[in-house]
Amino acid sequence: MNTRVFNCILTISILSSERSSRLTVMHMIKSLIIKFLRKTVVPPLRWFMYRTEKGAKIWNRLVERFRIPPAKKPDRESTERIVGRVDTREFYGSRYFDSQKDILTESGYSDYAVHPKDINMAKAVREIFNAKTVLDIGCAKGIFVNEIRKIGIPAFGADFSDYAVINTKEDSRPYLVAGDITAIPFKNNRADLVTCFETLEHLNRKNVRIAIDRLTELTDDKLWITVPSLGINDFGPPDGWPQGKMQQQYEQLYESDRDFPDPAKLEHLKLDKNGYPQEGHLTIASFRWWTENFLNRGFIRRGDLEKRINDAVEETRIGLLNSMVFEKVKIENNNKIKEKDLLIEKKDAAGASISLKKKKPYEKTIDLGKTEPGHYIAEVSISLESTPRNLPGWTTILLCDIRSTDCERMHGFRTVRLADFGDSKIGNFAVKFSCKKEEHLTCTLIYPGRIDIKLKNKIKITDNK
């Protein structure tokens, strides 16, 4: 090779190497500065902005505008492989329950023992629910079951972990069984009150729905669950929050007053130091997602009881436990065909449509009148007027909220999202709701102003047989 050419190539290589080194150093300095600001400046500033609702909204808009995207996109396939390793009995063994650890960075307990909340929650069972029998699903070592039995109420428990059930106290062991929540061995034994604390989030998406079906079968009356939740709590405060549930770069996406993937995406979940989803949590969803799933199965959400629980149990009052109470609606001889059409805007005809424009939120409450005991469907018709661009499928188009007139009980709820339309621009959406006794109900339609739509000026109410 010509000496001059060789020297030229060598010079270019050295300059490129130096430039690459300079860029690497600059990138490292930039990363350190960002990390420093996130740890020292951002937390107090965020706390100050969140002292008011307006400040929180301004903060969210700023974060969205200046958010730095992650350098590497998450690998969903590797995340799903990790999920498969977590969703096993081996994961919930001695290391999870009985080893010393930093619980902020590693999944499990550092000290699994009786806590004052267990005592207060057991008292709430007696004073608020007046239950004669209790079944605790996801009971772990049966601490809560034992506290209920101490106050004279027959209680039993089941847990996925063989280790937890085997290593419980001897006086509790006869009342506990090891069993998968999706196939709980209490087929013929139901309870007045079924409790399920900090359990559903440990299941994968498929098994969550099966578990909800089983829980609704096992209770004769009420169901009390706690599950880490996101978004707005309609009987709050407190609302849900993403901190500690999501990886830091995704936390802003899941703030309470915003649209977000629901349930949260697997690749967004926070991981512990071993690379597992934190605490083994696989399904993190909103209050409204959990609520809708139970109401669709013939339940009512009892906000009045939730408020009493908040007064009695500090952990639910401050939001360390996200608590929800559901009541089963059992109807016999519900054979009458009930069908009626209600106008949304009384000034227009039933066949007319209401045009709703982007950036102009709309809210309307319709009086459903006295509703007899039964299971019903309210149907709303929506057509998209503009072609959505760059909007994710989880974008909310309309909320439908059916409640008692005192707003203490939620009978039906539906979130209509952009993905629900599929390839069509027109959709008829059913909102299931139930009534245990004759009660005056209202239906509130909330349009957040995301995209131009037309809402048919009629809600059709029919029996859900």
Protein backbone atom coordinates (compact mmCIF):
# COMPACT_ATOMS: atom_id res chain seq x y z
CA MET A 1 0.00 0.00 0.00
CA ASN A 2 1.19 3.52 -0.76
CA THR A 3 2.79 5.07 2.35
CA ARG A 4 0.89 8.34 1.91
CA VAL A 5 -2.44 6.53 1.70
CA PHE A 6 -1.59 4.45 4.79
CA ASN A 7 -0.70 7.55 6.82
CA CYS A 8 -3.93 9.22 5.75
CA ILE A 9 -6.05 6.25 6.89
CA LEU A 10 -4.13 6.09 10.19
CA THR A 11 -4.70 9.81 10.83
CA ILE A 12 -8.44 9.50 10.14
CA SER A 13 -8.69 6.48 12.47
CA ILE A 14 -6.94 8.35 15.30
CA LEU A 15 -9.17 11.41 14.87
CA SER A 16 -12.29 9.23 14.74
CA SER A 17 -11.16 7.38 17.85
CA GLU A 18 -10.55 10.65 19.71
CA ARG A 19 -13.91 12.02 18.59
CA SER A 20 -15.65 8.81 19.71
CA SER A 21 -13.91 9.04 23.08
CA ARG A 22 -14.95 12.67 23.50
CA LEU A 23 -18.57 11.79 22.64
CA THR A 24 -18.51 8.90 25.12
CA VAL A 25 -17.18 11.14 27.90
CA MET A 26 -19.76 13.82 27.08
CA HIS A 27 -22.52 11.22 27.14
CA MET A 28 -21.33 9.95 30.54
CA ILE A 29 -21.20 13.50 31.95
CA LYS A 30 -24.69 14.22 30.59
CA SER A 31 -26.02 10.99 32.12
CA LEU A 32 -24.48 11.81 35.51
CA ILE A 33 -25.97 15.31 35.47
CA ILE A 34 -29.43 13.95 34.57
CA LYS A 35 -29.17 11.30 37.29
CA PHE A 36 -28.10 13.93 39.84
CA LEU A 37 -31.01 16.21 38.93
CA ARG A 38 -33.50 13.34 39.09
CA LYS A 39 -32.40 12.42 42.59
CA THR A 40 -31.89 15.84 44.15
CA VAL A 41 -33.94 18.46 42.30
CA VAL A 42 -36.86 16.61 40.71
CA PRO A 43 -38.39 14.93 43.85
CA PRO A 44 -38.86 18.14 45.92
CA LEU A 45 -40.00 20.10 42.86
CA ARG A 46 -42.50 17.38 41.99
CA TRP A 47 -43.76 17.31 45.60
CA PHE A 48 -44.26 21.10 45.52
CA MET A 49 -46.14 21.02 42.17
CA TYR A 50 -48.40 18.16 43.35
CA ARG A 51 -49.69 20.19 46.28
CA THR A 52 -52.42 21.49 43.95
CA GLU A 53 -54.37 19.82 41.18
CA LYS A 54 -53.43 22.56 38.70
CA GLY A 55 -49.76 22.24 39.59
CA ALA A 56 -49.89 18.47 39.06
CA LYS A 57 -51.35 18.92 35.57
CA ILE A 58 -48.68 21.48 34.63
CA TRP A 59 -45.99 19.13 35.92
CA ASN A 60 -47.34 16.21 33.86
CA ARG A 61 -47.39 18.32 30.69
CA LEU A 62 -43.79 19.46 31.26
CA VAL A 63 -42.60 15.91 31.93
CA GLU A 64 -44.30 14.67 28.77
CA ARG A 65 -42.75 17.43 26.68
CA PHE A 66 -39.19 17.07 27.94
CA ARG A 67 -39.15 13.35 28.69
CA ILE A 68 -35.93 11.62 27.69
CA PRO A 69 -36.76 8.31 25.98
CA PRO A 70 -34.97 5.20 27.21
CA ALA A 71 -31.76 4.42 25.36
CA LYS A 72 -32.84 0.84 24.74
CA LYS A 73 -36.31 -0.41 23.95
CA PRO A 74 -37.54 -3.13 26.33
CA ASP A 75 -37.43 -6.68 25.03
CA ARG A 76 -40.97 -8.02 25.51
CA GLU A 77 -39.97 -11.62 24.81
CA SER A 78 -37.34 -11.62 27.55
CA THR A 79 -39.83 -9.99 29.94
CA GLU A 80 -42.37 -12.73 29.23
CA ARG A 81 -39.73 -15.38 29.91
CA ILE A 82 -39.08 -13.76 33.29
CA VAL A 83 -42.83 -13.73 33.96
CA GLY A 84 -42.88 -17.49 33.38
CA ARG A 85 -40.19 -17.95 36.02
CA VAL A 86 -42.03 -15.77 38.54
CA ASP A 87 -45.39 -17.48 38.08
CA THR A 88 -44.25 -20.61 39.96
CA ARG A 89 -44.50 -22.01 43.46
CA GLU A 90 -40.69 -22.04 43.71
CA PHE A 91 -40.62 -18.23 43.50
CA TYR A 92 -42.89 -17.97 46.56
CA GLY A 93 -40.73 -20.15 48.77
CA SER A 94 -38.39 -19.64 51.72
CA ARG A 95 -36.41 -16.87 50.04
CA TYR A 96 -39.58 -14.87 49.37
CA PHE A 97 -41.07 -15.22 52.87
CA ASP A 98 -38.24 -15.92 55.30
CA SER A 99 -34.93 -14.36 54.26
CA GLN A 100 -33.40 -11.04 55.28
CA LYS A 101 -33.34 -8.62 52.33
CA ASP A 102 -33.66 -5.03 51.23
CA ILE A 103 -37.35 -4.97 50.31
CA LEU A 104 -36.84 -1.89 48.15
CA THR A 105 -34.61 -3.78 45.71
CA GLU A 106 -35.54 -7.45 46.17
CA SER A 107 -38.92 -9.17 46.07
CA GLY A 108 -40.48 -10.63 49.20
CA TYR A 109 -40.65 -9.94 52.93
CA SER A 110 -37.89 -9.06 55.37
CA ASP A 111 -40.07 -9.87 58.38
CA TYR A 112 -43.34 -11.73 57.81
CA ALA A 113 -45.18 -11.26 61.10
CA VAL A 114 -48.38 -9.95 62.64
CA HIS A 115 -48.90 -6.28 61.83
CA PRO A 116 -51.39 -3.85 63.43
CA LYS A 117 -53.19 -3.60 60.07
CA ASP A 118 -54.05 -7.32 60.26
CA ILE A 119 -55.73 -6.74 63.63
CA ASN A 120 -57.58 -3.63 62.39
CA MET A 121 -58.72 -5.37 59.21
CA ALA A 122 -60.01 -8.31 61.24
CA LYS A 123 -62.00 -5.89 63.42
CA ALA A 124 -63.40 -4.31 60.26
CA VAL A 125 -64.70 -7.71 59.18
CA ARG A 126 -66.74 -7.92 62.38
CA GLU A 127 -67.87 -4.30 62.68
CA ILE A 128 -68.43 -3.34 59.02
CA PHE A 129 -69.34 -6.58 57.27
CA ASN A 130 -70.91 -8.51 60.16
CA ALA A 131 -69.78 -11.68 58.37
CA LYS A 132 -70.61 -15.11 59.73
CA THR A 133 -67.97 -16.93 57.65
CA VAL A 134 -64.82 -15.65 55.93
CA LEU A 135 -62.67 -17.14 53.19
CA ASP A 136 -59.28 -15.48 52.62
CA ILE A 137 -57.76 -16.14 49.20
CA GLY A 138 -54.01 -15.57 49.02
CA CYS A 139 -53.70 -16.02 52.78
CA ALA A 140 -49.91 -16.72 52.81
CA LYS A 141 -49.15 -17.98 56.35
CA GLY A 142 -52.67 -17.31 57.54
CA ILE A 143 -52.00 -14.34 59.84
CA PHE A 144 -55.23 -12.59 58.84
CA VAL A 145 -57.22 -15.85 59.11
CA ASN A 146 -55.84 -16.38 62.60
CA GLU A 147 -56.77 -12.84 63.70
CA ILE A 148 -60.36 -13.34 62.49
CA ARG A 149 -60.68 -16.64 64.31
CA LYS A 150 -59.45 -14.94 67.50
CA ILE A 151 -62.54 -12.70 67.47
CA GLY A 152 -64.85 -15.71 67.07
CA ILE A 153 -65.60 -15.75 63.32
CA PRO A 154 -65.05 -19.02 61.40
CA ALA A 155 -62.38 -18.29 58.79
CA PHE A 156 -60.43 -20.35 56.27
CA GLY A 157 -57.66 -19.56 53.82
CA ALA A 158 -55.99 -20.75 50.63
CA ASP A 159 -52.68 -19.80 49.07
CA PHE A 160 -50.69 -20.63 45.95
CA SER A 161 -47.51 -21.17 47.98
CA ASP A 162 -47.05 -24.66 49.44
CA TYR A 163 -44.18 -23.29 51.52
CA ALA A 164 -46.31 -20.60 53.17
CA VAL A 165 -49.11 -23.00 54.13
CA ILE A 166 -46.76 -25.70 55.42
CA ASN A 167 -44.68 -23.26 57.48
CA THR A 168 -47.56 -21.57 59.27
CA LYS A 169 -48.28 -21.85 62.99
CA GLU A 170 -49.67 -25.19 64.10
CA ASP A 171 -52.92 -23.71 65.42
CA SER A 172 -53.64 -22.14 61.98
CA ARG A 173 -52.63 -25.05 59.75
CA PRO A 174 -55.95 -26.97 59.93
CA TYR A 175 -57.77 -24.00 58.41
CA LEU A 176 -55.45 -23.40 55.45
CA VAL A 177 -55.01 -25.20 52.15
CA ALA A 178 -52.50 -24.82 49.34
CA GLY A 179 -54.18 -24.22 46.01
CA ASP A 180 -54.00 -22.21 42.83
CA ILE A 181 -56.47 -19.30 42.91
CA THR A 182 -57.69 -20.32 39.44
CA ALA A 183 -58.69 -23.74 40.83
CA ILE A 184 -59.42 -23.13 44.51
CA PRO A 185 -60.54 -26.37 46.22
CA PHE A 186 -63.61 -24.81 47.90
CA LYS A 187 -66.13 -25.83 45.25
CA ASN A 188 -69.16 -26.28 47.46
CA ASN A 189 -68.05 -24.19 50.44
CA ARG A 190 -68.89 -20.52 50.03
CA ALA A 191 -68.53 -17.70 52.53
CA ASP A 192 -70.50 -14.58 53.43
CA LEU A 193 -67.32 -12.58 52.90
CA VAL A 194 -64.42 -13.48 50.61
CA THR A 195 -61.23 -11.47 51.07
CA CYS A 196 -58.33 -11.28 48.64
CA PHE A 197 -55.50 -9.04 49.80
CA GLU A 198 -52.45 -8.21 47.63
CA THR A 199 -52.92 -11.35 45.52
CA LEU A 200 -54.52 -10.68 42.13
CA GLU A 201 -51.55 -8.62 40.94
CA HIS A 202 -49.34 -11.73 41.21
CA LEU A 203 -51.26 -13.48 38.42
CA ASN A 204 -50.64 -13.20 34.70
CA ARG A 205 -53.30 -11.56 32.52
CA LYS A 206 -55.04 -14.80 31.54
CA ASN A 207 -55.25 -16.15 35.09
CA VAL A 208 -56.49 -12.84 36.52
CA ARG A 209 -59.78 -13.16 34.64
CA ILE A 210 -60.18 -16.81 35.67
CA ALA A 211 -59.44 -15.83 39.28
CA ILE A 212 -62.09 -13.09 39.22
CA ASP A 213 -64.63 -15.65 38.01
CA ARG A 214 -63.71 -17.98 40.89
CA LEU A 215 -63.85 -15.21 43.49
CA THR A 216 -67.33 -14.18 42.37
CA GLU A 217 -68.48 -17.81 42.65
CA LEU A 218 -67.09 -18.30 46.16
CA THR A 219 -68.83 -15.38 47.87
CA ASP A 220 -72.45 -15.47 48.96
CA ASP A 221 -72.57 -11.75 49.66
CA LYS A 222 -69.49 -9.51 49.66
CA LEU A 223 -65.96 -9.44 48.34
CA TRP A 224 -63.20 -7.28 49.82
CA ILE A 225 -60.00 -6.95 47.80
CA THR A 226 -56.84 -4.91 48.01
CA VAL A 227 -54.69 -4.69 44.90
CA PRO A 228 -51.98 -2.17 43.87
CA SER A 229 -53.85 0.13 41.47
CA LEU A 230 -53.31 3.06 39.15
CA GLY A 231 -55.37 6.05 38.11
CA ILE A 232 -58.41 7.67 39.65
CA ASN A 233 -60.22 6.06 42.57
CA ASP A 234 -63.88 7.02 42.13
CA PHE A 235 -64.45 6.62 45.87
CA GLY A 236 -61.12 8.17 46.84
CA PRO A 237 -58.94 9.81 47.77
CA PRO A 238 -56.36 8.47 47.65
CA ASP A 239 -55.91 7.73 43.95
CA GLY A 240 -53.40 5.22 42.65
CA TRP A 241 -49.83 6.08 41.78
CA PRO A 242 -47.14 4.45 39.59
CA GLN A 243 -44.13 5.06 41.85
CA GLY A 244 -42.62 1.73 42.87
CA LYS A 245 -44.74 -0.14 40.34
CA MET A 246 -43.29 1.13 37.06
CA GLN A 247 -39.76 1.65 35.84
CA GLN A 248 -38.79 5.26 36.48
CA GLN A 249 -38.78 6.32 32.82
CA TYR A 250 -42.41 5.22 32.48
CA GLU A 251 -43.85 6.59 35.73
CA GLN A 252 -45.12 9.81 34.13
CA LEU A 253 -47.15 7.79 31.60
CA TYR A 254 -49.25 6.25 34.39
CA GLU A 255 -50.16 9.36 36.39
CA SER A 256 -53.69 9.34 37.83
CA ASP A 257 -55.36 11.88 35.52
CA ARG A 258 -54.04 10.55 32.22
CA ASP A 259 -54.73 7.81 29.70
CA PHE A 260 -52.34 4.86 29.92
CA PRO A 261 -52.12 1.19 28.91
CA ASP A 262 -54.54 -0.65 31.19
CA PRO A 263 -53.35 -3.11 32.48
CA ALA A 264 -49.81 -1.72 32.37
CA LYS A 265 -47.46 -3.18 29.77
CA LEU A 266 -45.27 -6.00 31.00
CA GLU A 267 -42.13 -4.27 29.74
CA HIS A 268 -42.97 -1.17 31.82
CA LEU A 269 -43.11 -2.99 35.18
CA LYS A 270 -40.45 -2.28 37.76
CA LEU A 271 -37.87 -5.05 38.18
CA ASP A 272 -36.04 -6.04 41.35
CA LYS A 273 -32.27 -6.44 41.57
CA ASN A 274 -32.53 -10.04 40.33
CA GLY A 275 -34.40 -8.96 37.19
CA TYR A 276 -37.83 -10.20 38.32
CA PRO A 277 -40.96 -8.01 38.28
CA GLN A 278 -40.93 -6.33 41.71
CA GLU A 279 -42.65 -8.53 44.35
CA GLY A 280 -43.75 -10.87 41.55
CA HIS A 281 -46.38 -8.34 40.41
CA LEU A 282 -47.47 -9.25 36.88
CA THR A 283 -50.78 -7.38 36.46
CA ILE A 284 -50.93 -3.73 37.48
CA ALA A 285 -54.17 -2.04 36.39
CA SER A 286 -56.36 0.93 37.27
CA PHE A 287 -59.10 1.12 39.90
CA ARG A 288 -61.55 1.45 37.03
CA TRP A 289 -60.24 -1.65 35.21
CA TRP A 290 -60.67 -3.81 38.31
CA THR A 291 -64.07 -2.26 39.01
CA GLU A 292 -65.37 -2.86 35.50
CA ASN A 293 -64.34 -6.52 35.62
CA PHE A 294 -66.30 -7.18 38.82
CA LEU A 295 -69.36 -5.11 37.84
CA ASN A 296 -69.59 -7.02 34.55
CA ARG A 297 -70.02 -10.19 36.63
CA GLY A 298 -73.11 -8.97 38.46
CA PHE A 299 -71.62 -7.04 41.38
CA ILE A 300 -72.03 -3.55 42.83
CA ARG A 301 -69.07 -1.57 44.15
CA ARG A 302 -69.84 -0.34 47.68
CA GLY A 303 -68.16 3.03 48.11
CA ASP A 304 -70.00 3.60 51.38
CA LEU A 305 -68.31 0.56 52.95
CA GLU A 306 -64.93 1.53 51.50
CA LYS A 307 -65.12 4.87 53.29
CA ARG A 308 -65.84 3.12 56.59
CA ILE A 309 -62.84 0.84 56.02
CA ASN A 310 -60.66 3.89 55.35
CA ASP A 311 -61.70 5.29 58.73
CA ALA A 312 -60.81 2.02 60.47
CA VAL A 313 -57.57 1.01 58.68
CA GLU A 314 -54.80 3.58 58.27
CA GLU A 315 -53.08 1.70 55.42
CA THR A 316 -56.18 1.98 53.21
CA ARG A 317 -56.80 5.58 54.26
CA ILE A 318 -53.37 6.78 53.11
CA GLY A 319 -53.26 4.53 50.05
CA LEU A 320 -50.63 1.95 51.05
CA LEU A 321 -53.38 -0.58 50.40
CA ASN A 322 -55.78 0.11 47.52
CA SER A 323 -59.06 -1.26 48.85
CA MET A 324 -62.33 -2.07 47.03
CA VAL A 325 -65.56 -3.72 48.22
CA PHE A 326 -68.05 -5.47 45.94
CA GLU A 327 -71.50 -6.83 46.71
CA LYS A 328 -73.05 -9.75 44.85
CA VAL A 329 -76.43 -9.28 43.16
CA LYS A 330 -78.44 -12.50 43.12
CA ILE A 331 -81.82 -12.20 41.40
CA GLU A 332 -84.48 -14.89 41.20
CA ASN A 333 -87.47 -14.88 38.83
CA ASN A 334 -86.03 -12.03 36.78
CA ASN A 335 -88.00 -12.95 33.68
CA LYS A 336 -89.71 -9.67 32.82
CA ILE A 337 -88.57 -8.01 29.63
CA LYS A 338 -87.67 -4.44 30.52
CA GLU A 339 -86.69 -2.19 27.66
CA LYS A 340 -86.68 1.56 27.38
CA ASP A 341 -84.96 4.36 25.49
CA LEU A 342 -83.66 7.45 27.28
CA LEU A 343 -82.67 10.72 25.63
CA ILE A 344 -79.29 12.22 26.45
CA GLU A 345 -80.27 15.72 25.30
CA LYS A 346 -84.03 16.22 25.65
CA LYS A 347 -84.13 19.05 23.11
CA ASP A 348 -83.22 16.65 20.28
CA ALA A 349 -85.03 13.67 18.79
CA ALA A 350 -84.10 10.10 19.71
CA GLY A 351 -82.66 9.44 16.27
CA ALA A 352 -80.46 12.53 16.28
CA SER A 353 -76.75 12.62 17.07
CA ILE A 354 -74.81 14.88 19.40
CA SER A 355 -71.61 16.26 17.87
CA LEU A 356 -68.72 16.41 20.33
CA LYS A 357 -65.59 18.27 19.30
CA LYS A 358 -61.98 17.67 20.23
CA LYS A 359 -60.61 19.83 23.09
CA LYS A 360 -64.16 20.55 24.32
CA PRO A 361 -64.86 18.14 27.19
CA TYR A 362 -68.49 17.17 27.76
CA GLU A 363 -70.29 15.65 30.73
CA LYS A 364 -73.95 14.71 30.97
CA THR A 365 -75.92 12.93 33.70
CA ILE A 366 -79.07 11.07 32.63
CA ASP A 367 -81.75 10.05 35.12
CA LEU A 368 -82.48 6.32 34.76
CA GLY A 369 -85.36 6.57 37.24
CA LYS A 370 -86.35 3.83 39.67
CA THR A 371 -84.78 0.56 38.61
CA GLU A 372 -86.17 -2.78 39.76
CA PRO A 373 -83.87 -5.59 40.97
CA GLY A 374 -82.15 -7.26 38.03
CA HIS A 375 -79.23 -7.34 35.64
CA TYR A 376 -79.29 -4.86 32.76
CA ILE A 377 -77.42 -3.54 29.73
CA ALA A 378 -77.21 0.12 28.76
CA GLU A 379 -76.18 0.56 25.13
CA VAL A 380 -74.55 3.69 23.69
CA SER A 381 -73.72 4.28 20.02
CA ILE A 382 -70.60 6.25 19.00
CA SER A 383 -69.15 7.15 15.60
CA LEU A 384 -65.67 8.58 15.04
CA GLU A 385 -65.82 11.76 12.99
CA SER A 386 -62.11 12.25 12.38
CA THR A 387 -59.32 9.84 11.58
CA PRO A 388 -57.11 9.53 14.67
CA ARG A 389 -53.44 10.20 14.06
CA ASN A 390 -50.63 9.18 16.37
CA LEU A 391 -53.10 8.29 19.11
CA PRO A 392 -52.47 5.05 21.04
CA GLY A 393 -55.21 2.43 21.26
CA TRP A 394 -55.69 3.07 24.98
CA THR A 395 -56.93 6.65 24.31
CA THR A 396 -60.24 7.17 26.15
CA ILE A 397 -63.18 8.10 23.93
CA LEU A 398 -66.04 7.95 26.47
CA LEU A 399 -66.67 6.98 30.10
CA CYS A 400 -70.04 5.63 31.20
CA ASP A 401 -70.65 5.63 34.97
CA ILE A 402 -73.91 4.24 36.45
CA ARG A 403 -74.48 4.96 40.15
CA SER A 404 -77.01 5.43 42.87
CA THR A 405 -78.23 9.02 43.21
CA ASP A 406 -76.22 9.47 46.43
CA CYS A 407 -73.09 8.38 44.48
CA GLU A 408 -72.21 5.86 47.21
CA ARG A 409 -72.65 2.73 45.07
CA MET A 410 -71.34 2.08 41.58
CA HIS A 411 -73.60 -0.25 39.60
CA GLY A 412 -71.97 -0.17 36.16
CA PHE A 413 -68.89 1.26 34.52
CA ARG A 414 -67.39 1.19 31.04
CA THR A 415 -64.36 2.86 29.49
CA VAL A 416 -64.65 3.04 25.70
CA ARG A 417 -61.18 3.25 24.17
CA LEU A 418 -59.99 3.86 20.63
CA ALA A 419 -58.89 0.23 20.28
CA ASP A 420 -62.48 -0.91 20.95
CA PHE A 421 -63.50 0.35 17.50
CA GLY A 422 -61.11 -1.98 15.68
CA ASP A 423 -61.16 -1.20 11.96
CA SER A 424 -64.60 0.40 12.15
CA LYS A 425 -65.54 4.02 12.83
CA ILE A 426 -68.91 3.10 14.37
CA GLY A 427 -69.48 1.13 17.55
CA ASN A 428 -72.33 0.08 19.84
CA PHE A 429 -71.01 -0.36 23.35
CA ALA A 430 -72.75 -2.25 26.15
CA VAL A 431 -72.50 -1.18 29.79
CA LYS A 432 -73.56 -3.98 32.14
CA PHE A 433 -75.11 -2.97 35.46
CA SER A 434 -77.02 -4.65 38.27
CA CYS A 435 -79.54 -3.63 40.90
CA LYS A 436 -80.07 -5.61 44.13
CA LYS A 437 -83.14 -3.71 45.28
CA GLU A 438 -85.42 -1.09 43.76
CA GLU A 439 -83.21 1.95 43.52
CA HIS A 440 -82.97 5.30 41.76
CA LEU A 441 -79.98 5.31 39.39
CA THR A 442 -78.21 7.84 37.19
CA CYS A 443 -75.90 7.39 34.22
CA THR A 444 -73.10 9.90 33.66
CA LEU A 445 -71.39 10.14 30.27
CA ILE A 446 -67.95 11.78 30.31
CA TYR A 447 -66.26 12.80 27.05
CA PRO A 448 -62.65 13.92 27.64
CA GLY A 449 -62.32 15.70 24.29
CA ARG A 450 -59.71 13.49 22.66
CA ILE A 451 -61.18 13.13 19.16
CA ASP A 452 -64.25 14.37 17.21
CA ILE A 453 -67.17 11.98 17.68
CA LYS A 454 -70.92 11.76 17.26
CA LEU A 455 -72.92 10.29 20.12
CA LYS A 456 -76.35 8.94 19.28
CA ASN A 457 -78.93 10.79 21.38
CA LYS A 458 -80.31 7.64 22.94
CA ILE A 459 -79.36 5.15 25.62
CA LYS A 460 -81.12 1.83 25.23
CA ILE A 461 -81.79 -0.15 28.44
CA THR A 462 -82.52 -3.89 28.20
CA ASP A 463 -82.46 -6.96 30.40
CA ASN A 464 -79.20 -8.89 30.62
CA LYS A 465 -80.43 -12.45 30.82
